[in-house]
PDB file of N, CA and C in Angstrom:
ATOM      1  N   MET A   1     -18.455 -15.656 -22.551  1.00  0.00           N
ATOM      2  CA  MET A   1     -18.021 -14.280 -22.675  1.00  0.00           C
ATOM      3  C   MET A   1     -18.236 -13.555 -21.351  1.00  0.00           C
ATOM      4  N   GLN A   2     -17.282 -12.711 -21.023  1.00  0.00           N
ATOM      5  CA  GLN A   2     -17.402 -11.906 -19.811  1.00  0.00           C
ATOM      6  C   GLN A   2     -18.184 -10.640 -20.130  1.00  0.00           C
ATOM      7  N   PRO A   3     -19.038 -10.224 -19.198  1.00  0.00           N
ATOM      8  CA  PRO A   3     -19.751  -8.965 -19.439  1.00  0.00           C
ATOM      9  C   PRO A   3     -18.772  -7.794 -19.416  1.00  0.00           C
ATOM     10  N   ARG A   4     -19.047  -6.817 -20.244  1.00  0.00           N
ATOM     11  CA  ARG A   4     -18.170  -5.646 -20.314  1.00  0.00           C
ATOM     12  C   ARG A   4     -18.405  -4.760 -19.097  1.00  0.00           C
ATOM     13  N   VAL A   5     -17.320  -4.193 -18.615  1.00  0.00           N
ATOM     14  CA  VAL A   5     -17.377  -3.301 -17.457  1.00  0.00           C
ATOM     15  C   VAL A   5     -17.357  -1.870 -17.969  1.00  0.00           C
ATOM     16  N   THR A   6     -18.272  -1.079 -17.467  1.00  0.00           N
ATOM     17  CA  THR A   6     -18.317   0.318 -17.891  1.00  0.00           C
ATOM     18  C   THR A   6     -17.159   1.078 -17.238  1.00  0.00           C
ATOM     19  N   PRO A   7     -16.763   2.199 -17.825  1.00  0.00           N
ATOM     20  CA  PRO A   7     -15.689   2.992 -17.216  1.00  0.00           C
ATOM     21  C   PRO A   7     -16.000   3.411 -15.778  1.00  0.00           C
ATOM     22  N   ALA A   8     -17.252   3.721 -15.490  1.00  0.00           N
ATOM     23  CA  ALA A   8     -17.622   4.132 -14.126  1.00  0.00           C
ATOM     24  C   ALA A   8     -17.453   2.963 -13.155  1.00  0.00           C
ATOM     25  N   GLU A   9     -17.830   1.762 -13.586  1.00  0.00           N
ATOM     26  CA  GLU A   9     -17.668   0.582 -12.733  1.00  0.00           C
ATOM     27  C   GLU A   9     -16.186   0.275 -12.510  1.00  0.00           C
ATOM     28  N   ALA A  10     -15.400   0.379 -13.580  1.00  0.00           N
ATOM     29  CA  ALA A  10     -13.961   0.126 -13.459  1.00  0.00           C
ATOM     30  C   ALA A  10     -13.320   1.132 -12.522  1.00  0.00           C
ATOM     31  N   GLN A  11     -13.732   2.384 -12.620  1.00  0.00           N
ATOM     32  CA  GLN A  11     -13.193   3.420 -11.746  1.00  0.00           C
ATOM     33  C   GLN A  11     -13.555   3.131 -10.292  1.00  0.00           C
ATOM     34  N   SER A  12     -14.778   2.736 -10.058  1.00  0.00           N
ATOM     35  CA  SER A  12     -15.231   2.427  -8.701  1.00  0.00           C
ATOM     36  C   SER A  12     -14.479   1.225  -8.135  1.00  0.00           C
ATOM     37  N   GLN A  13     -14.293   0.189  -8.945  1.00  0.00           N
ATOM     38  CA  GLN A  13     -13.566  -0.995  -8.502  1.00  0.00           C
ATOM     39  C   GLN A  13     -12.111  -0.662  -8.194  1.00  0.00           C
ATOM     40  N   PHE A  14     -11.499   0.135  -9.057  1.00  0.00           N
ATOM     41  CA  PHE A  14     -10.102   0.520  -8.841  1.00  0.00           C
ATOM     42  C   PHE A  14      -9.964   1.346  -7.572  1.00  0.00           C
ATOM     43  N   LYS A  15     -10.888   2.283  -7.369  1.00  0.00           N
ATOM     44  CA  LYS A  15     -10.855   3.136  -6.186  1.00  0.00           C
ATOM     45  C   LYS A  15     -10.993   2.299  -4.917  1.00  0.00           C
ATOM     46  N   THR A  16     -11.899   1.341  -4.935  1.00  0.00           N
ATOM     47  CA  THR A  16     -12.111   0.471  -3.779  1.00  0.00           C
ATOM     48  C   THR A  16     -10.873  -0.367  -3.496  1.00  0.00           C
ATOM     49  N   LEU A  17     -10.304  -0.963  -4.529  1.00  0.00           N
ATOM     50  CA  LEU A  17      -9.103  -1.783  -4.368  1.00  0.00           C
ATOM     51  C   LEU A  17      -7.939  -0.957  -3.844  1.00  0.00           C
ATOM     52  N   LEU A  18      -7.755   0.229  -4.405  1.00  0.00           N
ATOM     53  CA  LEU A  18      -6.664   1.099  -3.986  1.00  0.00           C
ATOM     54  C   LEU A  18      -6.826   1.511  -2.527  1.00  0.00           C
ATOM     55  N   LYS A  19      -8.039   1.853  -2.140  1.00  0.00           N
ATOM     56  CA  LYS A  19      -8.302   2.260  -0.764  1.00  0.00           C
ATOM     57  C   LYS A  19      -8.020   1.104   0.205  1.00  0.00           C
ATOM     58  N   GLU A  20      -8.429  -0.114  -0.168  1.00  0.00           N
ATOM     59  CA  GLU A  20      -8.186  -1.284   0.682  1.00  0.00           C
ATOM     60  C   GLU A  20      -6.689  -1.530   0.865  1.00  0.00           C
ATOM     61  N   LYS A  21      -5.940  -1.451  -0.219  1.00  0.00           N
ATOM     62  CA  LYS A  21      -4.505  -1.726  -0.151  1.00  0.00           C
ATOM     63  C   LYS A  21      -3.771  -0.653   0.646  1.00  0.00           C
ATOM     64  N   ILE A  22      -4.180   0.599   0.496  1.00  0.00           N
ATOM     65  CA  ILE A  22      -3.555   1.668   1.282  1.00  0.00           C
ATOM     66  C   ILE A  22      -3.850   1.474   2.757  1.00  0.00           C
ATOM     67  N   ASN A  23      -5.076   1.043   3.073  1.00  0.00           N
ATOM     68  CA  ASN A  23      -5.406   0.756   4.473  1.00  0.00           C
ATOM     69  C   ASN A  23      -4.576  -0.395   5.023  1.00  0.00           C
ATOM     70  N   GLU A  24      -4.321  -1.423   4.194  1.00  0.00           N
ATOM     71  CA  GLU A  24      -3.488  -2.535   4.631  1.00  0.00           C
ATOM     72  C   GLU A  24      -2.059  -2.070   4.933  1.00  0.00           C
ATOM     73  N   VAL A  25      -1.516  -1.216   4.089  1.00  0.00           N
ATOM     74  CA  VAL A  25      -0.173  -0.680   4.319  1.00  0.00           C
ATOM     75  C   VAL A  25      -0.157   0.151   5.594  1.00  0.00           C
ATOM     76  N   ASN A  26      -1.195   0.950   5.793  1.00  0.00           N
ATOM     77  CA  ASN A  26      -1.291   1.766   6.997  1.00  0.00           C
ATOM     78  C   ASN A  26      -1.342   0.884   8.245  1.00  0.00           C
ATOM     79  N   GLN A  27      -2.121  -0.186   8.198  1.00  0.00           N
ATOM     80  CA  GLN A  27      -2.211  -1.092   9.341  1.00  0.00           C
ATOM     81  C   GLN A  27      -0.864  -1.746   9.627  1.00  0.00           C
ATOM     82  N   ALA A  28      -0.132  -2.099   8.580  1.00  0.00           N
ATOM     83  CA  ALA A  28       1.198  -2.686   8.775  1.00  0.00           C
ATOM     84  C   ALA A  28       2.133  -1.682   9.442  1.00  0.00           C
ATOM     85  N   GLN A  29       2.059  -0.417   9.036  1.00  0.00           N
ATOM     86  CA  GLN A  29       2.886   0.619   9.640  1.00  0.00           C
ATOM     87  C   GLN A  29       2.518   0.822  11.108  1.00  0.00           C
ATOM     88  N   LEU A  30       1.221   0.839  11.396  1.00  0.00           N
ATOM     89  CA  LEU A  30       0.768   1.018  12.777  1.00  0.00           C
ATOM     90  C   LEU A  30       1.198  -0.157  13.663  1.00  0.00           C
ATOM     91  N   LYS A  31       1.073  -1.372  13.129  1.00  0.00           N
ATOM     92  CA  LYS A  31       1.477  -2.557  13.892  1.00  0.00           C
ATOM     93  C   LYS A  31       2.974  -2.522  14.177  1.00  0.00           C
ATOM     94  N   SER A  32       3.757  -2.122  13.194  1.00  0.00           N
ATOM     95  CA  SER A  32       5.199  -2.021  13.378  1.00  0.00           C
ATOM     96  C   SER A  32       5.535  -1.010  14.469  1.00  0.00           C
ATOM     97  N   GLY A  33       4.848   0.127  14.433  1.00  0.00           N
ATOM     98  CA  GLY A  33       5.080   1.145  15.457  1.00  0.00           C
ATOM     99  C   GLY A  33       4.713   0.666  16.844  1.00  0.00           C
ATOM    100  N   GLU A  34       3.591  -0.031  16.949  1.00  0.00           N
ATOM    101  CA  GLU A  34       3.163  -0.560  18.248  1.00  0.00           C
ATOM    102  C   GLU A  34       4.171  -1.567  18.804  1.00  0.00           C
ATOM    103  N   MET A  35       4.636  -2.462  17.920  1.00  0.00           N
ATOM    104  CA  MET A  35       5.583  -3.477  18.380  1.00  0.00           C
ATOM    105  C   MET A  35       6.918  -2.842  18.790  1.00  0.00           C
ATOM    106  N   THR A  36       7.333  -1.810  18.057  1.00  0.00           N
ATOM    107  CA  THR A  36       8.572  -1.116  18.406  1.00  0.00           C
ATOM    108  C   THR A  36       8.432  -0.427  19.758  1.00  0.00           C
ATOM    109  N   GLU A  37       7.282   0.183  20.003  1.00  0.00           N
ATOM    110  CA  GLU A  37       7.041   0.825  21.301  1.00  0.00           C
ATOM    111  C   GLU A  37       7.051  -0.201  22.432  1.00  0.00           C
ATOM    112  N   LYS A  38       6.431  -1.355  22.200  1.00  0.00           N
ATOM    113  CA  LYS A  38       6.415  -2.406  23.222  1.00  0.00           C
ATOM    114  C   LYS A  38       7.835  -2.871  23.533  1.00  0.00           C
ATOM    115  N   LEU A  39       8.653  -2.995  22.504  1.00  0.00           N
ATOM    116  CA  LEU A  39      10.041  -3.410  22.710  1.00  0.00           C
ATOM    117  C   LEU A  39      10.788  -2.356  23.510  1.00  0.00           C
ATOM    118  N   ALA A  40      10.567  -1.099  23.184  1.00  0.00           N
ATOM    119  CA  ALA A  40      11.250  -0.010  23.889  1.00  0.00           C
ATOM    120  C   ALA A  40      10.828   0.075  25.353  1.00  0.00           C
ATOM    121  N   ARG A  41       9.561  -0.236  25.633  1.00  0.00           N
ATOM    122  CA  ARG A  41       9.067  -0.205  27.012  1.00  0.00           C
ATOM    123  C   ARG A  41       9.402  -1.473  27.783  1.00  0.00           C
ATOM    124  N   GLY A  42       9.926  -2.472  27.105  1.00  0.00           N
ATOM    125  CA  GLY A  42      10.278  -3.718  27.771  1.00  0.00           C
ATOM    126  C   GLY A  42       9.113  -4.684  27.926  1.00  0.00           C
ATOM    127  N   GLU A  43       8.025  -4.440  27.212  1.00  0.00           N
ATOM    128  CA  GLU A  43       6.856  -5.307  27.301  1.00  0.00           C
ATOM    129  C   GLU A  43       7.015  -6.579  26.476  1.00  0.00           C
ATOM    130  N   THR A  44       7.974  -6.595  25.577  1.00  0.00           N
ATOM    131  CA  THR A  44       8.263  -7.787  24.786  1.00  0.00           C
ATOM    132  C   THR A  44       9.773  -7.899  24.624  1.00  0.00           C
ATOM    133  N   ASP A  45      10.231  -9.106  24.479  1.00  0.00           N
ATOM    134  CA  ASP A  45      11.660  -9.302  24.271  1.00  0.00           C
ATOM    135  C   ASP A  45      11.926 -10.050  22.963  1.00  0.00           C
ATOM    136  N   ASN A  46      10.913 -10.129  22.117  1.00  0.00           N
ATOM    137  CA  ASN A  46      11.035 -10.837  20.848  1.00  0.00           C
ATOM    138  C   ASN A  46      11.510  -9.865  19.763  1.00  0.00           C
ATOM    139  N   LEU A  47      12.803  -9.611  19.752  1.00  0.00           N
ATOM    140  CA  LEU A  47      13.387  -8.668  18.796  1.00  0.00           C
ATOM    141  C   LEU A  47      13.188  -9.127  17.352  1.00  0.00           C
ATOM    142  N   HIS A  48      13.281 -10.429  17.140  1.00  0.00           N
ATOM    143  CA  HIS A  48      13.128 -10.946  15.772  1.00  0.00           C
ATOM    144  C   HIS A  48      11.761 -10.599  15.194  1.00  0.00           C
ATOM    145  N   GLU A  49      10.714 -10.800  15.983  1.00  0.00           N
ATOM    146  CA  GLU A  49       9.356 -10.500  15.512  1.00  0.00           C
ATOM    147  C   GLU A  49       9.189  -9.004  15.237  1.00  0.00           C
ATOM    148  N   VAL A  50       9.753  -8.169  16.080  1.00  0.00           N
ATOM    149  CA  VAL A  50       9.671  -6.721  15.885  1.00  0.00           C
ATOM    150  C   VAL A  50      10.377  -6.326  14.590  1.00  0.00           C
ATOM    151  N   MET A  51      11.546  -6.881  14.354  1.00  0.00           N
ATOM    152  CA  MET A  51      12.304  -6.553  13.138  1.00  0.00           C
ATOM    153  C   MET A  51      11.590  -7.057  11.886  1.00  0.00           C
ATOM    154  N   ILE A  52      11.020  -8.251  11.954  1.00  0.00           N
ATOM    155  CA  ILE A  52      10.301  -8.792  10.797  1.00  0.00           C
ATOM    156  C   ILE A  52       9.082  -7.937  10.480  1.00  0.00           C
ATOM    157  N   THR A  53       8.348  -7.545  11.504  1.00  0.00           N
ATOM    158  CA  THR A  53       7.173  -6.695  11.295  1.00  0.00           C
ATOM    159  C   THR A  53       7.579  -5.353  10.702  1.00  0.00           C
ATOM    160  N   GLY A  54       8.668  -4.793  11.186  1.00  0.00           N
ATOM    161  CA  GLY A  54       9.157  -3.525  10.651  1.00  0.00           C
ATOM    162  C   GLY A  54       9.565  -3.631   9.194  1.00  0.00           C
ATOM    163  N   GLN A  55      10.221  -4.721   8.834  1.00  0.00           N
ATOM    164  CA  GLN A  55      10.636  -4.911   7.440  1.00  0.00           C
ATOM    165  C   GLN A  55       9.443  -5.124   6.525  1.00  0.00           C
ATOM    166  N   LYS A  56       8.450  -5.880   6.998  1.00  0.00           N
ATOM    167  CA  LYS A  56       7.241  -6.080   6.194  1.00  0.00           C
ATOM    168  C   LYS A  56       6.560  -4.744   5.928  1.00  0.00           C
ATOM    169  N   ALA A  57       6.458  -3.914   6.951  1.00  0.00           N
ATOM    170  CA  ALA A  57       5.831  -2.604   6.789  1.00  0.00           C
ATOM    171  C   ALA A  57       6.641  -1.734   5.832  1.00  0.00           C
ATOM    172  N   SER A  58       7.950  -1.787   5.949  1.00  0.00           N
ATOM    173  CA  SER A  58       8.815  -0.995   5.077  1.00  0.00           C
ATOM    174  C   SER A  58       8.684  -1.425   3.619  1.00  0.00           C
ATOM    175  N   ILE A  59       8.694  -2.718   3.384  1.00  0.00           N
ATOM    176  CA  ILE A  59       8.572  -3.230   2.014  1.00  0.00           C
ATOM    177  C   ILE A  59       7.206  -2.888   1.425  1.00  0.00           C
ATOM    178  N   ALA A  60       6.155  -3.012   2.230  1.00  0.00           N
ATOM    179  CA  ALA A  60       4.816  -2.676   1.753  1.00  0.00           C
ATOM    180  C   ALA A  60       4.741  -1.198   1.374  1.00  0.00           C
ATOM    181  N   LEU A  61       5.340  -0.330   2.173  1.00  0.00           N
ATOM    182  CA  LEU A  61       5.329   1.099   1.869  1.00  0.00           C
ATOM    183  C   LEU A  61       6.127   1.398   0.602  1.00  0.00           C
ATOM    184  N   GLN A  62       7.281   0.780   0.457  1.00  0.00           N
ATOM    185  CA  GLN A  62       8.096   0.991  -0.746  1.00  0.00           C
ATOM    186  C   GLN A  62       7.351   0.530  -1.996  1.00  0.00           C
ATOM    187  N   ALA A  63       6.679  -0.612  -1.908  1.00  0.00           N
ATOM    188  CA  ALA A  63       5.917  -1.112  -3.058  1.00  0.00           C
ATOM    189  C   ALA A  63       4.776  -0.163  -3.400  1.00  0.00           C
ATOM    190  N   THR A  64       4.117   0.363  -2.393  1.00  0.00           N
ATOM    191  CA  THR A  64       3.019   1.300  -2.612  1.00  0.00           C
ATOM    192  C   THR A  64       3.511   2.573  -3.293  1.00  0.00           C
ATOM    193  N   VAL A  65       4.638   3.068  -2.858  1.00  0.00           N
ATOM    194  CA  VAL A  65       5.215   4.272  -3.476  1.00  0.00           C
ATOM    195  C   VAL A  65       5.579   4.001  -4.935  1.00  0.00           C
ATOM    196  N   GLU A  66       6.130   2.840  -5.221  1.00  0.00           N
ATOM    197  CA  GLU A  66       6.480   2.509  -6.607  1.00  0.00           C
ATOM    198  C   GLU A  66       5.242   2.388  -7.490  1.00  0.00           C
ATOM    199  N   VAL A  67       4.187   1.786  -6.968  1.00  0.00           N
ATOM    200  CA  VAL A  67       2.940   1.690  -7.734  1.00  0.00           C
ATOM    201  C   VAL A  67       2.396   3.083  -8.003  1.00  0.00           C
ATOM    202  N   ARG A  68       2.429   3.941  -6.992  1.00  0.00           N
ATOM    203  CA  ARG A  68       1.971   5.318  -7.173  1.00  0.00           C
ATOM    204  C   ARG A  68       2.778   6.016  -8.255  1.00  0.00           C
ATOM    205  N   ASN A  69       4.101   5.841  -8.225  1.00  0.00           N
ATOM    206  CA  ASN A  69       4.960   6.472  -9.230  1.00  0.00           C
ATOM    207  C   ASN A  69       4.611   5.994 -10.636  1.00  0.00           C
ATOM    208  N   LYS A  70       4.350   4.697 -10.785  1.00  0.00           N
ATOM    209  CA  LYS A  70       4.003   4.152 -12.103  1.00  0.00           C
ATOM    210  C   LYS A  70       2.652   4.671 -12.577  1.00  0.00           C
ATOM    211  N   VAL A  71       1.704   4.804 -11.669  1.00  0.00           N
ATOM    212  CA  VAL A  71       0.389   5.341 -12.037  1.00  0.00           C
ATOM    213  C   VAL A  71       0.526   6.788 -12.488  1.00  0.00           C
ATOM    214  N   ILE A  72       1.318   7.560 -11.790  1.00  0.00           N
ATOM    215  CA  ILE A  72       1.524   8.963 -12.172  1.00  0.00           C
ATOM    216  C   ILE A  72       2.225   9.051 -13.522  1.00  0.00           C
ATOM    217  N   GLU A  73       3.221   8.208 -13.754  1.00  0.00           N
ATOM    218  CA  GLU A  73       3.907   8.196 -15.050  1.00  0.00           C
ATOM    219  C   GLU A  73       2.937   7.857 -16.174  1.00  0.00           C
ATOM    220  N   ALA A  74       2.086   6.865 -15.947  1.00  0.00           N
ATOM    221  CA  ALA A  74       1.111   6.469 -16.967  1.00  0.00           C
ATOM    222  C   ALA A  74       0.132   7.604 -17.244  1.00  0.00           C
ATOM    223  N   TYR A  75      -0.333   8.264 -16.184  1.00  0.00           N
ATOM    224  CA  TYR A  75      -1.247   9.391 -16.351  1.00  0.00           C
ATOM    225  C   TYR A  75      -0.586  10.507 -17.158  1.00  0.00           C
ATOM    226  N   GLN A  76       0.668  10.830 -16.835  1.00  0.00           N
ATOM    227  CA  GLN A  76       1.376  11.880 -17.554  1.00  0.00           C
ATOM    228  C   GLN A  76       1.575  11.514 -19.011  1.00  0.00           C
ATOM    229  N   GLU A  77       1.844  10.242 -19.281  1.00  0.00           N
ATOM    230  CA  GLU A  77       2.016   9.788 -20.654  1.00  0.00           C
ATOM    231  C   GLU A  77       0.707   9.925 -21.437  1.00  0.00           C
ATOM    232  N   VAL A  78      -0.400   9.573 -20.818  1.00  0.00           N
ATOM    233  CA  VAL A  78      -1.699   9.707 -21.482  1.00  0.00           C
ATOM    234  C   VAL A  78      -1.997  11.186 -21.754  1.00  0.00           C
ATOM    235  N   MET A  79      -1.663  12.049 -20.817  1.00  0.00           N
ATOM    236  CA  MET A  79      -1.930  13.482 -20.998  1.00  0.00           C
ATOM    237  C   MET A  79      -1.056  14.087 -22.093  1.00  0.00           C
ATOM    238  N   ARG A  80       0.101  13.496 -22.369  1.00  0.00           N
ATOM    239  CA  ARG A  80       0.984  14.000 -23.443  1.00  0.00           C
ATOM    240  C   ARG A  80       0.535  13.550 -24.819  1.00  0.00           C
ATOM    241  N   MET A  81      -0.326  12.543 -24.878  1.00  0.00           N
ATOM    242  CA  MET A  81      -0.768  12.025 -26.167  1.00  0.00           C
ATOM    243  C   MET A  81      -1.607  13.069 -26.895  1.00  0.00           C
ATOM    244  N   GLN A  82      -1.391  13.140 -28.190  1.00  0.00           N
ATOM    245  CA  GLN A  82      -2.188  14.059 -28.995  1.00  0.00           C
ATOM    246  C   GLN A  82      -3.346  13.277 -29.580  1.00  0.00           C
ATOM    247  N   VAL A  83      -4.498  13.902 -29.534  1.00  0.00           N
ATOM    248  CA  VAL A  83      -5.706  13.214 -30.018  1.00  0.00           C
ATOM    249  C   VAL A  83      -5.971  13.561 -31.449  1.00  0.00           C
TER     250      VAL A  83
END
C-alpha cells in the first residue's frame, strides 16, 4: 500500500513541479532567443539548429498555455459545484 499524501503535501509537490516546468519553458525561450541573436549577428550559420530550437520553445510554450487553460477550467468547474 502507498502512504496517503496529505493535501498540503500534494499542494507543495504540485507547486514544485509546476515551477520546475515553467522554468524549463523559460530556459527554452531564452535559448531560442540567444540562438536567433547569434544567427542575426553572423556568429553561427546553422539555420537548421536555430529553427529547431525555436520550434521546440514554441511548442513548449503552447503546451504550457494549454495546461494552464485546463487548470483554470477545472478550477472554475469546481467553484460552480454546489455543496
